[in-house]
Amino acid sequence: MDPINHKIQGTFNVISLGFHTEKDLRDLEELLATVDDAQQIHAKTILQVLDYLRHSGAQASLGHGLALIVLSIGVAADPVKAVIAPQRDLIVDIMAKNLSSGSVQYRCLDILTTLMIDKDGIRTALGSPEMSPFLSLCVQSAKIHKANMDILFGVACAVATLCLNNTRNARHAVEVGAFTLLLEVFKFTAKGVARTPRDPPEGMRHALQWSRLAIRNISLSKGVEPVVAEAVKMANFGRFGDCVAVDELKWELEHLK
């Protein structure tokens, strides 16, 4: 076995038994910081990490943090994505029970959004109020961490992906307040970027780009979803002329077919 997977599996063995030390956790964290290729994390390792999360409860701990880092690295590889996908409800549950933890929220959003890419079935499941509270959790997370650009970026990515060519998810996004929230995120970040156009903070720039995309993906359903059409019509864009980017978004949404 290669050193990376050997170290991950060995550390989670001692964590599961309760025999770990702070040095064990610190050493694994430092190792994971050097992993830059999802292919380096094997499916067998992911299965062990998921088993640890299933049996250790959903409340955040140092072990949870490391487990989520392992999953967020590995999920970009298709073989690992196939292993994690059936456990998406576990990740949603961890997200729900740790809303105050910014690091847990960011990792869960990252994992779940990556799972949704090119997977209509997963998007439908996570976006359905009957099957998952994920969209509502996105809104709660953004409200709790409203000053955290990484979380706002993660939420915007998740909603943009959920609502891509999915009118039902777009309607649900409006119903839970995601459209209104993301419009506020867009206005705030657009004005922030306008103040520092040459060198805007990276997190703010990403939150701006993805909140715009999420708003647009929701609005594309306005022709078939009256709830979405009403949200776009009643949206508060602020005073015309205050921010060019906001004015441009308003014009774009008004002219979407």
Foldseek 3Di string as FASTA:
>chain_A
DDPLLVLLLVLLVCVLVVNDDPVSLVVNVVVLVPDDALVVHDLVSLVSLVVSLVPVDLEDDSSVLSSLSNLLSNCLDVVNLVSCLVVLVSLLSSLVNPLLDPSSLLSSLSNLLSSLVVPLVSLCQCLDPVRHCNLLSLVSSCVNPVVDLSSLLSSLSNLLSSLAVNQSSLLSNLVSPVLQVLLVLLLVLQVQCVVVVVDGPPSSVSSNVSSLSSNVSSLLNVVPDVSSVVCLVPHDLDDPPPGPVSVVSNVVSVPRD
